[in-house]
Amino acid sequence: MTVIDLRSDTVTQPTAGMRDAMASAVSGDDVYGEDPSVNLLEAELARRLGFAAALFVPTGTMSNLLALMAHCERGEEYIVGQQAHTYKYEGGGAAVLGSIQPQPLEVQADGSLDLNQVLDAIKPDDFHFARTRLLALENTMQGKVLPLEYLARARAFAREHDLALHLDGARLYNAAVKLGVDAREIARHFDSVSVCLSKGLGAPIGSVLCGSTALIAKARRLRKMVGGGMRQAGSLAAAGLYALDHQVQRLADDHANAQWLGDELRKAGYDVEPVQTNMVYVQIGDQAQALKAFADERAIKLSVAPRLRMVTHLDVSRAQMEQVLKAFVDFSRK
């Protein structure tokens, strides 16, 4: 029985074309700056997103950590959403490794942070307080796309209040495809952007941090400090380049599958949140464990939670979505 894994878009496998690109990649020692494939990936993504420089790292967690540590000194502060990965899901790295204080705020229903609440959270210029240095946003945020108009307001707000602006763009390309714009139209509002290659884009590993020449130089030093230097990483960079060239526009297929599944589950009587990209959130309540066991028997992998998240990706088809729907319908009739 073929497994249908909806836990995350991180479970994707490299396609045949990506494997070929990885096998033929030219490599060198990246710590010495001599891996041509890594250098090409960094230069290409910086160019595409409108930045001066970029840095290839093993994970999105590291990419965000380096950004926070490059923007903020010890004892300084960043403002961030309560549900944001940089605050909730990345091991507290900014606090533990950077001595950077997070100031979390509630995320709004559309995935944004209320800029009036951000304003209230900015600390006065007084030695009693940590100095507020950075505003960190996430796009997409639990599958929700931040509107371009909001990003423009956030950019103007950050400038007015002398804050840097960082984007955890782990699913930046999902947001761009949903909005029908080039990813640069999103990235141009930020001082730094982290892009994950190993989620919807389907690479096996890696994220890229983009920013100014000075910020990336600082991040490169920090990458070495936290153990992120890689040697012959060309095959991994080649996977990222292949993903950027061949697997961006197909994200629309994932969005369509998620939209279809959400619509059909709603028709079947489930409480489904509006779907924007590749995430379907269903309120399951105290039936979560029972549903997981039921799905396991049908080779469907789900993450357990009362608010159940299912993520579509390149390794699940519409036919498999139909199998998932049938499982949910059968479960509701038990």
C-alpha atoms as a PDB file:
ATOM      1  CA  MET A   1       0.000   0.000   0.000  1.00  0.00           C
ATOM      2  CA  THR A   2       1.463   3.368  -1.064  1.00  0.00           C
ATOM      3  CA  VAL A   3       1.918   5.728   1.876  1.00  0.00           C
ATOM      4  CA  ILE A   4       0.255   9.144   1.631  1.00  0.00           C
ATOM      5  CA  ASP A   5       2.220  11.471   3.901  1.00  0.00           C
ATOM      6  CA  LEU A   6       0.466  14.742   4.722  1.00  0.00           C
ATOM      7  CA  ARG A   7       2.460  15.643   7.838  1.00  0.00           C
ATOM      8  CA  SER A   8       4.541  18.281   6.049  1.00  0.00           C
ATOM      9  CA  ASP A   9       5.995  19.296   2.701  1.00  0.00           C
ATOM     10  CA  THR A  10       9.411  18.497   4.197  1.00  0.00           C
ATOM     11  CA  VAL A  11       8.858  14.795   3.431  1.00  0.00           C
ATOM     12  CA  THR A  12       9.271  15.190  -0.334  1.00  0.00           C
ATOM     13  CA  GLN A  13      11.747  13.036  -2.225  1.00  0.00           C
ATOM     14  CA  PRO A  14      14.078  14.368  -4.961  1.00  0.00           C
ATOM     15  CA  THR A  15      12.644  13.925  -8.442  1.00  0.00           C
ATOM     16  CA  ALA A  16      14.523  12.021 -11.147  1.00  0.00           C
ATOM     17  CA  GLY A  17      15.618  15.279 -12.775  1.00  0.00           C
ATOM     18  CA  MET A  18      16.863  16.624  -9.451  1.00  0.00           C
ATOM     19  CA  ARG A  19      18.824  13.437  -8.775  1.00  0.00           C
ATOM     20  CA  ASP A  20      20.493  13.766 -12.191  1.00  0.00           C
ATOM     21  CA  ALA A  21      21.424  17.371 -11.432  1.00  0.00           C
ATOM     22  CA  MET A  22      22.864  16.350  -8.077  1.00  0.00           C
ATOM     23  CA  ALA A  23      24.874  13.504  -9.602  1.00  0.00           C
ATOM     24  CA  SER A  24      26.508  15.765 -12.186  1.00  0.00           C
ATOM     25  CA  ALA A  25      27.174  18.729  -9.875  1.00  0.00           C
ATOM     26  CA  VAL A  26      30.658  20.232  -9.683  1.00  0.00           C
ATOM     27  CA  SER A  27      31.889  20.585  -6.089  1.00  0.00           C
ATOM     28  CA  GLY A  28      34.625  22.255  -4.109  1.00  0.00           C
ATOM     29  CA  ASP A  29      35.279  23.209  -0.489  1.00  0.00           C
ATOM     30  CA  ASP A  30      32.547  25.683   0.422  1.00  0.00           C
ATOM     31  CA  VAL A  31      34.212  26.774   3.661  1.00  0.00           C
ATOM     32  CA  TYR A  32      37.043  28.066   1.460  1.00  0.00           C
ATOM     33  CA  GLY A  33      34.422  29.606  -0.826  1.00  0.00           C
ATOM     34  CA  GLU A  34      35.464  27.227  -3.606  1.00  0.00           C
ATOM     35  CA  ASP A  35      32.316  25.264  -4.350  1.00  0.00           C
ATOM     36  CA  PRO A  36      31.118  26.575  -7.732  1.00  0.00           C
ATOM     37  CA  SER A  37      27.643  25.098  -7.382  1.00  0.00           C
ATOM     38  CA  VAL A  38      27.126  26.691  -3.962  1.00  0.00           C
ATOM     39  CA  ASN A  39      28.480  30.004  -5.231  1.00  0.00           C
ATOM     40  CA  LEU A  40      26.100  29.850  -8.183  1.00  0.00           C
ATOM     41  CA  LEU A  41      23.104  29.081  -5.965  1.00  0.00           C
ATOM     42  CA  GLU A  42      23.920  31.966  -3.630  1.00  0.00           C
ATOM     43  CA  ALA A  43      24.472  34.422  -6.474  1.00  0.00           C
ATOM     44  CA  GLU A  44      21.385  33.280  -8.355  1.00  0.00           C
ATOM     45  CA  LEU A  45      18.982  33.483  -5.432  1.00  0.00           C
ATOM     46  CA  ALA A  46      20.389  36.855  -4.347  1.00  0.00           C
ATOM     47  CA  ARG A  47      19.855  38.119  -7.898  1.00  0.00           C
ATOM     48  CA  ARG A  48      16.333  36.725  -8.170  1.00  0.00           C
ATOM     49  CA  LEU A  49      15.228  38.248  -4.871  1.00  0.00           C
ATOM     50  CA  GLY A  50      17.019  41.573  -5.329  1.00  0.00           C
ATOM     51  CA  PHE A  51      19.714  41.291  -2.664  1.00  0.00           C
ATOM     52  CA  ALA A  52      23.442  41.938  -2.779  1.00  0.00           C
ATOM     53  CA  ALA A  53      24.491  38.597  -1.287  1.00  0.00           C
ATOM     54  CA  ALA A  54      23.287  35.235   0.001  1.00  0.00           C
ATOM     55  CA  LEU A  55      24.454  32.329   2.145  1.00  0.00           C
ATOM     56  CA  PHE A  56      23.653  28.620   1.738  1.00  0.00           C
ATOM     57  CA  VAL A  57      23.051  26.783   5.025  1.00  0.00           C
ATOM     58  CA  PRO A  58      21.849  23.287   5.973  1.00  0.00           C
ATOM     59  CA  THR A  59      18.487  24.251   7.531  1.00  0.00           C
ATOM     60  CA  GLY A  60      15.860  26.943   7.809  1.00  0.00           C
ATOM     61  CA  THR A  61      16.375  27.006  11.561  1.00  0.00           C
ATOM     62  CA  MET A  62      20.022  27.931  11.034  1.00  0.00           C
ATOM     63  CA  SER A  63      19.178  30.490   8.373  1.00  0.00           C
ATOM     64  CA  ASN A  64      16.751  32.294  10.667  1.00  0.00           C
ATOM     65  CA  LEU A  65      19.140  32.052  13.623  1.00  0.00           C
ATOM     66  CA  LEU A  66      21.968  33.611  11.612  1.00  0.00           C
ATOM     67  CA  ALA A  67      19.659  36.410  10.497  1.00  0.00           C
ATOM     68  CA  LEU A  68      18.569  37.184  14.057  1.00  0.00           C
ATOM     69  CA  MET A  69      22.152  37.093  15.328  1.00  0.00           C
ATOM     70  CA  ALA A  70      23.388  39.236  12.443  1.00  0.00           C
ATOM     71  CA  HIS A  71      20.729  41.893  13.042  1.00  0.00           C
ATOM     72  CA  CYS A  72      20.775  41.888  16.866  1.00  0.00           C
ATOM     73  CA  GLU A  73      23.548  42.056  19.445  1.00  0.00           C
ATOM     74  CA  ARG A  74      23.458  40.397  22.862  1.00  0.00           C
ATOM     75  CA  GLY A  75      20.773  41.911  25.079  1.00  0.00           C
ATOM     76  CA  GLU A  76      18.782  43.324  22.174  1.00  0.00           C
ATOM     77  CA  GLU A  77      15.263  42.316  21.167  1.00  0.00           C
ATOM     78  CA  TYR A  78      13.210  41.182  18.219  1.00  0.00           C
ATOM     79  CA  ILE A  79       9.423  41.382  17.903  1.00  0.00           C
ATOM     80  CA  VAL A  80       7.813  38.244  16.522  1.00  0.00           C
ATOM     81  CA  GLY A  81       4.555  36.287  16.359  1.00  0.00           C
ATOM     82  CA  GLN A  82       3.619  33.831  19.110  1.00  0.00           C
ATOM     83  CA  GLN A  83       3.162  31.083  16.505  1.00  0.00           C
ATOM     84  CA  ALA A  84       6.147  32.033  14.339  1.00  0.00           C
ATOM     85  CA  HIS A  85       8.817  29.451  13.726  1.00  0.00           C
ATOM     86  CA  THR A  86      11.594  31.813  14.772  1.00  0.00           C
ATOM     87  CA  TYR A  87       9.993  32.049  18.213  1.00  0.00           C
ATOM     88  CA  LYS A  88       8.110  28.803  18.871  1.00  0.00           C
ATOM     89  CA  TYR A  89       9.566  26.036  16.748  1.00  0.00           C
ATOM     90  CA  GLU A  90      13.316  26.644  16.523  1.00  0.00           C
ATOM     91  CA  GLY A  91      14.491  25.570  19.951  1.00  0.00           C
ATOM     92  CA  GLY A  92      14.853  29.046  21.438  1.00  0.00           C
ATOM     93  CA  GLY A  93      18.103  29.452  19.516  1.00  0.00           C
ATOM     94  CA  ALA A  94      18.033  33.246  19.404  1.00  0.00           C
ATOM     95  CA  ALA A  95      17.836  33.396  23.212  1.00  0.00           C
ATOM     96  CA  VAL A  96      20.171  30.478  23.926  1.00  0.00           C
ATOM     97  CA  LEU A  97      22.875  31.141  21.334  1.00  0.00           C
ATOM     98  CA  GLY A  98      22.438  34.827  20.577  1.00  0.00           C
ATOM     99  CA  SER A  99      21.309  36.193  23.964  1.00  0.00           C
ATOM    100  CA  ILE A 100      18.567  37.952  21.999  1.00  0.00           C
ATOM    101  CA  GLN A 101      15.288  38.620  23.772  1.00  0.00           C
ATOM    102  CA  PRO A 102      12.102  37.725  21.883  1.00  0.00           C
ATOM    103  CA  GLN A 103       9.023  39.884  22.320  1.00  0.00           C
ATOM    104  CA  PRO A 104       6.183  37.671  21.064  1.00  0.00           C
ATOM    105  CA  LEU A 105       2.807  39.055  19.983  1.00  0.00           C
ATOM    106  CA  GLU A 106      -0.411  37.311  19.015  1.00  0.00           C
ATOM    107  CA  VAL A 107      -0.672  36.569  15.315  1.00  0.00           C
ATOM    108  CA  GLN A 108      -3.753  37.983  13.606  1.00  0.00           C
ATOM    109  CA  ALA A 109      -6.241  35.793  11.761  1.00  0.00           C
ATOM    110  CA  ASP A 110      -4.658  36.676   8.411  1.00  0.00           C
ATOM    111  CA  GLY A 111      -1.146  35.709   9.581  1.00  0.00           C
ATOM    112  CA  SER A 112       0.059  39.270  10.124  1.00  0.00           C
ATOM    113  CA  LEU A 113       1.150  41.148  13.211  1.00  0.00           C
ATOM    114  CA  ASP A 114      -0.964  44.173  14.178  1.00  0.00           C
ATOM    115  CA  LEU A 115       1.412  47.110  13.678  1.00  0.00           C
ATOM    116  CA  ASN A 116      -0.299  49.061  16.453  1.00  0.00           C
ATOM    117  CA  GLN A 117       0.549  46.222  18.824  1.00  0.00           C
ATOM    118  CA  VAL A 118       4.088  46.185  17.452  1.00  0.00           C
ATOM    119  CA  LEU A 119       4.346  49.907  18.159  1.00  0.00           C
ATOM    120  CA  ASP A 120       3.227  49.371  21.751  1.00  0.00           C
ATOM    121  CA  ALA A 121       5.835  46.616  22.155  1.00  0.00           C
ATOM    122  CA  ILE A 122       8.809  48.732  21.039  1.00  0.00           C
ATOM    123  CA  LYS A 123      10.860  49.530  24.122  1.00  0.00           C
ATOM    124  CA  PRO A 124      11.696  53.139  25.074  1.00  0.00           C
ATOM    125  CA  ASP A 125      15.293  54.271  24.657  1.00  0.00           C
ATOM    126  CA  ASP A 126      16.092  53.627  28.315  1.00  0.00           C
ATOM    127  CA  PHE A 127      18.814  51.440  29.807  1.00  0.00           C
ATOM    128  CA  HIS A 128      16.197  49.555  31.824  1.00  0.00           C
ATOM    129  CA  PHE A 129      15.012  47.860  28.633  1.00  0.00           C
ATOM    130  CA  ALA A 130      16.405  45.658  25.934  1.00  0.00           C
ATOM    131  CA  ARG A 131      16.860  47.694  22.763  1.00  0.00           C
ATOM    132  CA  THR A 132      14.262  46.725  20.144  1.00  0.00           C
ATOM    133  CA  ARG A 133      16.174  46.123  16.924  1.00  0.00           C
ATOM    134  CA  LEU A 134      14.192  43.852  14.622  1.00  0.00           C
ATOM    135  CA  LEU A 135      10.696  42.942  13.451  1.00  0.00           C
ATOM    136  CA  ALA A 136      10.408  39.367  12.173  1.00  0.00           C
ATOM    137  CA  LEU A 137       7.514  38.236   9.967  1.00  0.00           C
ATOM    138  CA  GLU A 138       6.684  34.867   8.399  1.00  0.00           C
ATOM    139  CA  ASN A 139       5.222  34.263   4.934  1.00  0.00           C
ATOM    140  CA  THR A 140       3.365  32.030   4.505  1.00  0.00           C
ATOM    141  CA  MET A 141       2.096  31.934   8.089  1.00  0.00           C
ATOM    142  CA  GLN A 142       0.290  28.651   8.731  1.00  0.00           C
ATOM    143  CA  GLY A 143      -0.552  28.607   5.044  1.00  0.00           C
ATOM    144  CA  LYS A 144      -1.781  32.208   4.966  1.00  0.00           C
ATOM    145  CA  VAL A 145      -0.235  34.724   2.564  1.00  0.00           C
ATOM    146  CA  LEU A 146       0.627  38.211   3.808  1.00  0.00           C
ATOM    147  CA  PRO A 147      -0.844  40.812   1.389  1.00  0.00           C
ATOM    148  CA  LEU A 148       1.616  43.001  -0.513  1.00  0.00           C
ATOM    149  CA  GLU A 149      -0.123  46.095   0.874  1.00  0.00           C
ATOM    150  CA  TYR A 150       0.570  44.916   4.415  1.00  0.00           C
ATOM    151  CA  LEU A 151       4.222  44.263   3.588  1.00  0.00           C
ATOM    152  CA  ALA A 152       4.566  47.804   2.267  1.00  0.00           C
ATOM    153  CA  ARG A 153       3.071  49.173   5.485  1.00  0.00           C
ATOM    154  CA  ALA A 154       5.386  46.986   7.569  1.00  0.00           C
ATOM    155  CA  ARG A 155       8.391  48.245   5.593  1.00  0.00           C
ATOM    156  CA  ALA A 156       7.404  51.888   6.125  1.00  0.00           C
ATOM    157  CA  PHE A 157       6.700  51.190   9.810  1.00  0.00           C
ATOM    158  CA  ALA A 158      10.107  49.552  10.305  1.00  0.00           C
ATOM    159  CA  ARG A 159      11.901  52.482   8.708  1.00  0.00           C
ATOM    160  CA  GLU A 160       9.952  55.003  10.756  1.00  0.00           C
ATOM    161  CA  HIS A 161      10.901  53.241  13.982  1.00  0.00           C
ATOM    162  CA  ASP A 162      14.484  52.372  13.044  1.00  0.00           C
ATOM    163  CA  LEU A 163      13.891  48.603  12.993  1.00  0.00           C
ATOM    164  CA  ALA A 164      15.353  46.030  10.661  1.00  0.00           C
ATOM    165  CA  LEU A 165      12.805  43.753   8.970  1.00  0.00           C
ATOM    166  CA  HIS A 166      13.408  40.013   8.527  1.00  0.00           C
ATOM    167  CA  LEU A 167      11.251  37.522   6.675  1.00  0.00           C
ATOM    168  CA  ASP A 168      11.113  33.845   7.496  1.00  0.00           C
ATOM    169  CA  GLY A 169      10.227  32.985   3.916  1.00  0.00           C
ATOM    170  CA  ALA A 170      10.413  29.225   4.345  1.00  0.00           C
ATOM    171  CA  ARG A 171       7.447  29.060   1.946  1.00  0.00           C
ATOM    172  CA  LEU A 172       8.136  32.329   0.136  1.00  0.00           C
ATOM    173  CA  TYR A 173       7.504  30.731  -3.240  1.00  0.00           C
ATOM    174  CA  ASN A 174       4.123  29.382  -2.139  1.00  0.00           C
ATOM    175  CA  ALA A 175       3.180  32.960  -1.275  1.00  0.00           C
ATOM    176  CA  ALA A 176       4.466  34.282  -4.603  1.00  0.00           C
ATOM    177  CA  VAL A 177       2.615  31.651  -6.629  1.00  0.00           C
ATOM    178  CA  LYS A 178      -0.594  32.327  -4.714  1.00  0.00           C
ATOM    179  CA  LEU A 179      -0.320  36.075  -5.317  1.00  0.00           C
ATOM    180  CA  GLY A 180       0.714  35.582  -8.937  1.00  0.00           C
ATOM    181  CA  VAL A 181       3.832  37.732  -8.549  1.00  0.00           C
ATOM    182  CA  ASP A 182       7.571  37.236  -8.760  1.00  0.00           C
ATOM    183  CA  ALA A 183       9.043  36.365  -5.359  1.00  0.00           C
ATOM    184  CA  ARG A 184      11.114  39.542  -5.611  1.00  0.00           C
ATOM    185  CA  GLU A 185       7.905  41.568  -5.144  1.00  0.00           C
ATOM    186  CA  ILE A 186       7.626  40.090  -1.656  1.00  0.00           C
ATOM    187  CA  ALA A 187      11.326  40.056  -0.784  1.00  0.00           C
ATOM    188  CA  ARG A 188      11.944  43.699  -1.718  1.00  0.00           C
ATOM    189  CA  HIS A 189      10.238  44.912   1.459  1.00  0.00           C
ATOM    190  CA  PHE A 190      12.753  43.170   3.760  1.00  0.00           C
ATOM    191  CA  ASP A 191      16.325  43.656   4.937  1.00  0.00           C
ATOM    192  CA  SER A 192      16.849  39.891   5.003  1.00  0.00           C
ATOM    193  CA  VAL A 193      14.935  36.873   3.754  1.00  0.00           C
ATOM    194  CA  SER A 194      15.363  33.191   4.565  1.00  0.00           C
ATOM    195  CA  VAL A 195      14.192  30.803   1.827  1.00  0.00           C
ATOM    196  CA  CYS A 196      13.775  27.083   2.411  1.00  0.00           C
ATOM    197  CA  LEU A 197      14.586  24.757  -0.495  1.00  0.00           C
ATOM    198  CA  SER A 198      13.509  21.521   1.208  1.00  0.00           C
ATOM    199  CA  LYS A 199       9.780  22.152   1.671  1.00  0.00           C
ATOM    200  CA  GLY A 200       7.478  22.668  -1.295  1.00  0.00           C
ATOM    201  CA  LEU A 201      10.402  23.171  -3.661  1.00  0.00           C
ATOM    202  CA  GLY A 202      11.389  19.563  -3.006  1.00  0.00           C
ATOM    203  CA  ALA A 203      15.159  19.721  -2.448  1.00  0.00           C
ATOM    204  CA  PRO A 204      16.502  17.210   0.096  1.00  0.00           C
ATOM    205  CA  ILE A 205      18.234  19.814   2.256  1.00  0.00           C
ATOM    206  CA  GLY A 206      19.120  23.462   2.557  1.00  0.00           C
ATOM    207  CA  SER A 207      18.010  27.050   3.004  1.00  0.00           C
ATOM    208  CA  VAL A 208      19.435  30.332   1.753  1.00  0.00           C
ATOM    209  CA  LEU A 209      19.691  33.593   3.680  1.00  0.00           C
ATOM    210  CA  CYS A 210      19.674  36.740   1.530  1.00  0.00           C
ATOM    211  CA  GLY A 211      20.659  40.226   2.604  1.00  0.00           C
ATOM    212  CA  SER A 212      23.195  43.010   2.252  1.00  0.00           C
ATOM    213  CA  THR A 213      26.873  42.285   1.695  1.00  0.00           C
ATOM    214  CA  ALA A 214      27.683  43.308   5.274  1.00  0.00           C
ATOM    215  CA  LEU A 215      24.889  41.253   6.837  1.00  0.00           C
ATOM    216  CA  ILE A 216      25.801  38.120   4.879  1.00  0.00           C
ATOM    217  CA  ALA A 217      29.486  38.540   5.771  1.00  0.00           C
ATOM    218  CA  LYS A 218      28.487  38.604   9.438  1.00  0.00           C
ATOM    219  CA  ALA A 219      26.153  35.639   8.940  1.00  0.00           C
ATOM    220  CA  ARG A 220      28.957  33.674   7.241  1.00  0.00           C
ATOM    221  CA  ARG A 221      31.166  34.129  10.279  1.00  0.00           C
ATOM    222  CA  LEU A 222      28.281  33.091  12.541  1.00  0.00           C
ATOM    223  CA  ARG A 223      27.583  30.045  10.351  1.00  0.00           C
ATOM    224  CA  LYS A 224      31.081  28.787  11.080  1.00  0.00           C
ATOM    225  CA  MET A 225      30.568  29.447  14.803  1.00  0.00           C
ATOM    226  CA  VAL A 226      27.416  27.339  15.001  1.00  0.00           C
ATOM    227  CA  GLY A 227      28.847  24.496  12.921  1.00  0.00           C
ATOM    228  CA  GLY A 228      27.107  25.185   9.631  1.00  0.00           C
ATOM    229  CA  GLY A 229      30.140  25.200   7.373  1.00  0.00           C
ATOM    230  CA  MET A 230      29.928  22.532   4.669  1.00  0.00           C
ATOM    231  CA  ARG A 231      32.650  21.182   2.442  1.00  0.00           C
ATOM    232  CA  GLN A 232      31.768  19.565  -0.900  1.00  0.00           C
ATOM    233  CA  ALA A 233      28.160  20.746  -0.844  1.00  0.00           C
ATOM    234  CA  GLY A 234      27.768  21.170  -4.591  1.00  0.00           C
ATOM    235  CA  SER A 235      25.333  18.291  -5.027  1.00  0.00           C
ATOM    236  CA  LEU A 236      23.031  19.860  -2.404  1.00  0.00           C
ATOM    237  CA  ALA A 237      23.274  23.267  -4.047  1.00  0.00           C
ATOM    238  CA  ALA A 238      22.523  21.685  -7.418  1.00  0.00           C
ATOM    239  CA  ALA A 239      19.291  20.300  -5.985  1.00  0.00           C
ATOM    240  CA  GLY A 240      18.330  23.810  -4.890  1.00  0.00           C
ATOM    241  CA  LEU A 241      19.124  25.276  -8.299  1.00  0.00           C
ATOM    242  CA  TYR A 242      17.068  22.562  -9.990  1.00  0.00           C
ATOM    243  CA  ALA A 243      14.159  23.289  -7.656  1.00  0.00           C
ATOM    244  CA  LEU A 244      14.265  27.005  -8.437  1.00  0.00           C
ATOM    245  CA  ASP A 245      14.349  26.353 -12.181  1.00  0.00           C
ATOM    246  CA  HIS A 246      11.815  23.520 -12.389  1.00  0.00           C
ATOM    247  CA  GLN A 247       9.637  23.247  -9.286  1.00  0.00           C
ATOM    248  CA  VAL A 248       8.308  26.703  -8.457  1.00  0.00           C
ATOM    249  CA  GLN A 249       5.275  27.031 -10.724  1.00  0.00           C
ATOM    250  CA  ARG A 250       4.143  23.489  -9.930  1.00  0.00           C
ATOM    251  CA  LEU A 251       3.402  24.694  -6.391  1.00  0.00           C
ATOM    252  CA  ALA A 252       0.077  25.785  -7.873  1.00  0.00           C
ATOM    253  CA  ASP A 253      -0.784  22.070  -8.160  1.00  0.00           C
ATOM    254  CA  ASP A 254      -0.249  21.652  -4.417  1.00  0.00           C
ATOM    255  CA  HIS A 255      -2.470  24.654  -3.753  1.00  0.00           C
ATOM    256  CA  ALA A 256      -5.182  23.251  -5.996  1.00  0.00           C
ATOM    257  CA  ASN A 257      -5.042  19.857  -4.254  1.00  0.00           C
ATOM    258  CA  ALA A 258      -5.275  21.515  -0.845  1.00  0.00           C
ATOM    259  CA  GLN A 259      -8.176  23.685  -1.981  1.00  0.00           C
ATOM    260  CA  TRP A 260     -10.007  20.665  -3.374  1.00  0.00           C
ATOM    261  CA  LEU A 261      -9.484  18.642  -0.205  1.00  0.00           C
ATOM    262  CA  GLY A 262     -10.612  21.517   1.999  1.00  0.00           C
ATOM    263  CA  ASP A 263     -13.738  22.098  -0.071  1.00  0.00           C
ATOM    264  CA  GLU A 264     -14.678  18.409  -0.098  1.00  0.00           C
ATOM    265  CA  LEU A 265     -14.068  17.961   3.631  1.00  0.00           C
ATOM    266  CA  ARG A 266     -16.270  20.974   4.307  1.00  0.00           C
ATOM    267  CA  LYS A 267     -19.023  19.413   2.179  1.00  0.00           C
ATOM    268  CA  ALA A 268     -18.593  16.231   4.233  1.00  0.00           C
ATOM    269  CA  GLY A 269     -19.366  18.164   7.414  1.00  0.00           C
ATOM    270  CA  TYR A 270     -15.892  18.914   8.739  1.00  0.00           C
ATOM    271  CA  ASP A 271     -14.922  22.293  10.197  1.00  0.00           C
ATOM    272  CA  VAL A 272     -12.247  23.414   7.739  1.00  0.00           C
ATOM    273  CA  GLU A 273     -10.445  26.752   7.800  1.00  0.00           C
ATOM    274  CA  PRO A 274     -10.200  28.707   4.514  1.00  0.00           C
ATOM    275  CA  VAL A 275      -7.378  27.325   2.360  1.00  0.00           C
ATOM    276  CA  GLN A 276      -4.934  29.688   0.647  1.00  0.00           C
ATOM    277  CA  THR A 277      -1.862  27.639  -0.238  1.00  0.00           C
ATOM    278  CA  ASN A 278      -0.801  24.055   0.508  1.00  0.00           C
ATOM    279  CA  MET A 279      -2.113  23.691   4.069  1.00  0.00           C
ATOM    280  CA  VAL A 280      -5.493  22.377   5.149  1.00  0.00           C
ATOM    281  CA  TYR A 281      -6.472  22.962   8.790  1.00  0.00           C
ATOM    282  CA  VAL A 282      -9.351  20.888  10.168  1.00  0.00           C
ATOM    283  CA  GLN A 283     -10.839  21.152  13.648  1.00  0.00           C
ATOM    284  CA  ILE A 284     -10.900  17.553  14.926  1.00  0.00           C
ATOM    285  CA  GLY A 285     -11.059  18.144  18.683  1.00  0.00           C
ATOM    286  CA  ASP A 286     -10.834  15.079  20.897  1.00  0.00           C
ATOM    287  CA  GLN A 287     -11.070  12.755  17.869  1.00  0.00           C
ATOM    288  CA  ALA A 288      -7.479  13.446  16.833  1.00  0.00           C
ATOM    289  CA  GLN A 289      -5.918  10.238  18.186  1.00  0.00           C
ATOM    290  CA  ALA A 290      -8.726   8.056  16.882  1.00  0.00           C
ATOM    291  CA  LEU A 291      -8.507   9.671  13.446  1.00  0.00           C
ATOM    292  CA  LYS A 292      -4.746   9.159  13.342  1.00  0.00           C
ATOM    293  CA  ALA A 293      -5.122   5.446  14.146  1.00  0.00           C
ATOM    294  CA  PHE A 294      -7.859   5.135  11.506  1.00  0.00           C
ATOM    295  CA  ALA A 295      -5.666   6.881   8.924  1.00  0.00           C
ATOM    296  CA  ASP A 296      -2.608   4.803   9.832  1.00  0.00           C
ATOM    297  CA  GLU A 297      -4.512   1.656   8.919  1.00  0.00           C
ATOM    298  CA  ARG A 298      -5.017   3.151   5.463  1.00  0.00           C
ATOM    299  CA  ALA A 299      -1.362   4.206   5.013  1.00  0.00           C
ATOM    300  CA  ILE A 300      -2.189   7.883   5.509  1.00  0.00           C
ATOM    301  CA  LYS A 301       0.265   9.723   7.752  1.00  0.00           C
ATOM    302  CA  LEU A 302      -1.161  12.609   9.773  1.00  0.00           C
ATOM    303  CA  SER A 303       0.184  14.781  12.569  1.00  0.00           C
ATOM    304  CA  VAL A 304      -1.896  14.494  15.747  1.00  0.00           C
ATOM    305  CA  ALA A 305      -3.593  17.677  16.954  1.00  0.00           C
ATOM    306  CA  PRO A 306      -7.119  18.892  17.710  1.00  0.00           C
ATOM    307  CA  ARG A 307      -6.449  21.486  14.996  1.00  0.00           C
ATOM    308  CA  LEU A 308      -5.179  19.063  12.390  1.00  0.00           C
ATOM    309  CA  ARG A 309      -2.817  20.321   9.708  1.00  0.00           C
ATOM    310  CA  MET A 310      -2.463  18.512   6.390  1.00  0.00           C
ATOM    311  CA  VAL A 311       0.147  19.690   3.898  1.00  0.00           C
ATOM    312  CA  THR A 312       0.056  18.902   0.188  1.00  0.00           C
ATOM    313  CA  HIS A 313       3.273  18.597  -1.809  1.00  0.00           C
ATOM    314  CA  LEU A 314       4.811  17.195  -4.972  1.00  0.00           C
ATOM    315  CA  ASP A 315       4.607  13.580  -3.763  1.00  0.00           C
ATOM    316  CA  VAL A 316       0.817  13.524  -3.332  1.00  0.00           C
ATOM    317  CA  SER A 317      -1.592  13.447  -6.268  1.00  0.00           C
ATOM    318  CA  ARG A 318      -5.254  14.329  -6.735  1.00  0.00           C
ATOM    319  CA  ALA A 319      -6.071  10.609  -6.784  1.00  0.00           C
ATOM    320  CA  GLN A 320      -4.423  10.274  -3.378  1.00  0.00           C
ATOM    321  CA  MET A 321      -6.402  13.285  -2.136  1.00  0.00           C
ATOM    322  CA  GLU A 322      -9.508  11.326  -3.085  1.00  0.00           C
ATOM    323  CA  GLN A 323      -8.285   8.439  -0.929  1.00  0.00           C
ATOM    324  CA  VAL A 324      -7.750  10.838   1.972  1.00  0.00           C
ATOM    325  CA  LEU A 325     -11.232  12.260   1.544  1.00  0.00           C
ATOM    326  CA  LYS A 326     -12.730   8.768   1.559  1.00  0.00           C
ATOM    327  CA  ALA A 327     -10.877   7.965   4.789  1.00  0.00           C
ATOM    328  CA  PHE A 328     -12.286  11.085   6.472  1.00  0.00           C
ATOM    329  CA  VAL A 329     -15.804  10.328   5.247  1.00  0.00           C
ATOM    330  CA  ASP A 330     -15.563   6.729   6.428  1.00  0.00           C
ATOM    331  CA  PHE A 331     -14.237   7.897   9.797  1.00  0.00           C
ATOM    332  CA  SER A 332     -17.160  10.300  10.248  1.00  0.00           C
ATOM    333  CA  ARG A 333     -19.590   7.427   9.641  1.00  0.00           C
ATOM    334  CA  LYS A 334     -18.079   5.088  12.230  1.00  0.00           C
END
